[in-house]
Amino acid sequence: MSIVAVVAGVALAIASLLTTFRLLDGPGSLDRLVALDTLIAVAMCGLAVWAAYSGDTTIVPSIVALSLVSFIGSIAVARFRVRD
């Protein structure tokens, strides 16, 4: 299990670096919003990998809360960003 966790951690670290580059270098605000959503999804996956590796189930509510906050934030920004 530890080898799988290490491989998943390395893959998530690479994904977060690429997403951070896109977040900082995005040409538009909607591109940055998508990059931020992706970065939050990678963070949630990292928390899930840690929960599976450690066997700690108390992390699951924080993953759910993070997903809800991310969803509400994305909807709010997209609603005010889209032209009528």
Protein backbone atom coordinates (compact mmCIF):
# COMPACT_ATOMS: atom_id res chain seq x y z
CA MET A 1 0.00 0.00 0.00
CA SER A 2 2.85 2.40 0.70
CA ILE A 3 4.20 2.12 -2.85
CA VAL A 4 0.80 3.00 -4.26
CA ALA A 5 0.52 5.96 -1.89
CA VAL A 6 3.96 7.23 -2.90
CA VAL A 7 3.18 6.91 -6.61
CA ALA A 8 -0.17 8.66 -6.12
CA GLY A 9 1.51 11.40 -4.07
CA VAL A 10 4.13 12.01 -6.75
CA ALA A 11 1.47 12.11 -9.47
CA LEU A 12 -0.60 14.57 -7.43
CA ALA A 13 2.45 16.73 -6.78
CA ILE A 14 3.23 16.91 -10.49
CA ALA A 15 -0.41 17.71 -11.25
CA SER A 16 -0.44 20.46 -8.65
CA LEU A 17 2.74 22.02 -10.06
CA LEU A 18 1.32 22.05 -13.58
CA THR A 19 -1.99 23.43 -12.34
CA THR A 20 -0.24 26.15 -10.33
CA PHE A 21 1.64 27.18 -13.46
CA ARG A 22 -1.68 27.43 -15.31
CA LEU A 23 -3.21 29.37 -12.42
CA LEU A 24 -0.42 31.95 -12.48
CA ASP A 25 -0.05 32.14 -16.26
CA GLY A 26 -3.70 31.86 -17.34
CA PRO A 27 -4.68 34.34 -20.02
CA GLY A 28 -8.17 34.98 -18.65
CA SER A 29 -10.07 34.92 -15.42
CA LEU A 30 -12.14 31.90 -16.43
CA ASP A 31 -8.96 29.96 -17.21
CA ARG A 32 -7.70 30.83 -13.74
CA LEU A 33 -11.01 29.73 -12.25
CA VAL A 34 -10.75 26.33 -13.94
CA ALA A 35 -7.16 26.01 -12.74
CA LEU A 36 -8.22 26.86 -9.19
CA ASP A 37 -10.99 24.26 -9.33
CA THR A 38 -8.50 21.71 -10.59
CA LEU A 39 -6.05 22.60 -7.82
CA ILE A 40 -8.76 22.14 -5.20
CA ALA A 41 -9.70 18.79 -6.76
CA VAL A 42 -6.06 17.71 -6.59
CA ALA A 43 -5.96 18.76 -2.93
CA MET A 44 -9.09 16.71 -2.25
CA CYS A 45 -7.48 13.72 -3.97
CA GLY A 46 -4.39 14.21 -1.84
CA LEU A 47 -6.52 14.19 1.30
CA ALA A 48 -8.25 11.03 0.08
CA VAL A 49 -4.91 9.32 -0.56
CA TRP A 50 -3.77 10.29 2.93
CA ALA A 51 -7.02 8.99 4.43
CA ALA A 52 -6.61 5.68 2.61
CA TYR A 53 -2.95 5.39 3.59
CA SER A 54 -3.42 6.21 7.27
CA GLY A 55 -6.83 4.59 7.69
CA ASP A 56 -8.13 7.78 9.28
CA THR A 57 -11.79 8.33 8.40
CA THR A 58 -12.11 11.69 10.15
CA ILE A 59 -10.71 13.40 7.04
CA VAL A 60 -13.76 12.53 4.93
CA PRO A 61 -15.99 15.39 6.24
CA SER A 62 -13.25 17.88 5.42
CA ILE A 63 -13.11 16.55 1.85
CA VAL A 64 -16.88 16.97 1.55
CA ALA A 65 -16.74 20.49 2.99
CA LEU A 66 -13.92 21.44 0.63
CA SER A 67 -15.87 20.18 -2.36
CA LEU A 68 -18.99 22.11 -1.36
CA VAL A 69 -17.07 25.36 -0.81
CA SER A 70 -15.31 24.91 -4.14
CA PHE A 71 -18.58 24.27 -5.96
CA ILE A 72 -20.33 27.29 -4.42
CA GLY A 73 -17.33 29.53 -5.15
CA SER A 74 -17.15 28.40 -8.76
CA ILE A 75 -20.84 29.01 -9.30
CA ALA A 76 -20.62 32.47 -7.74
CA VAL A 77 -17.64 33.55 -9.82
CA ALA A 78 -19.03 32.08 -13.04
CA ARG A 79 -22.40 33.75 -12.48
CA PHE A 80 -20.90 37.21 -12.10
CA ARG A 81 -18.32 36.66 -14.84
CA VAL A 82 -20.68 35.53 -17.60
CA ARG A 83 -22.17 38.34 -19.64
CA ASP A 84 -25.94 38.55 -19.98
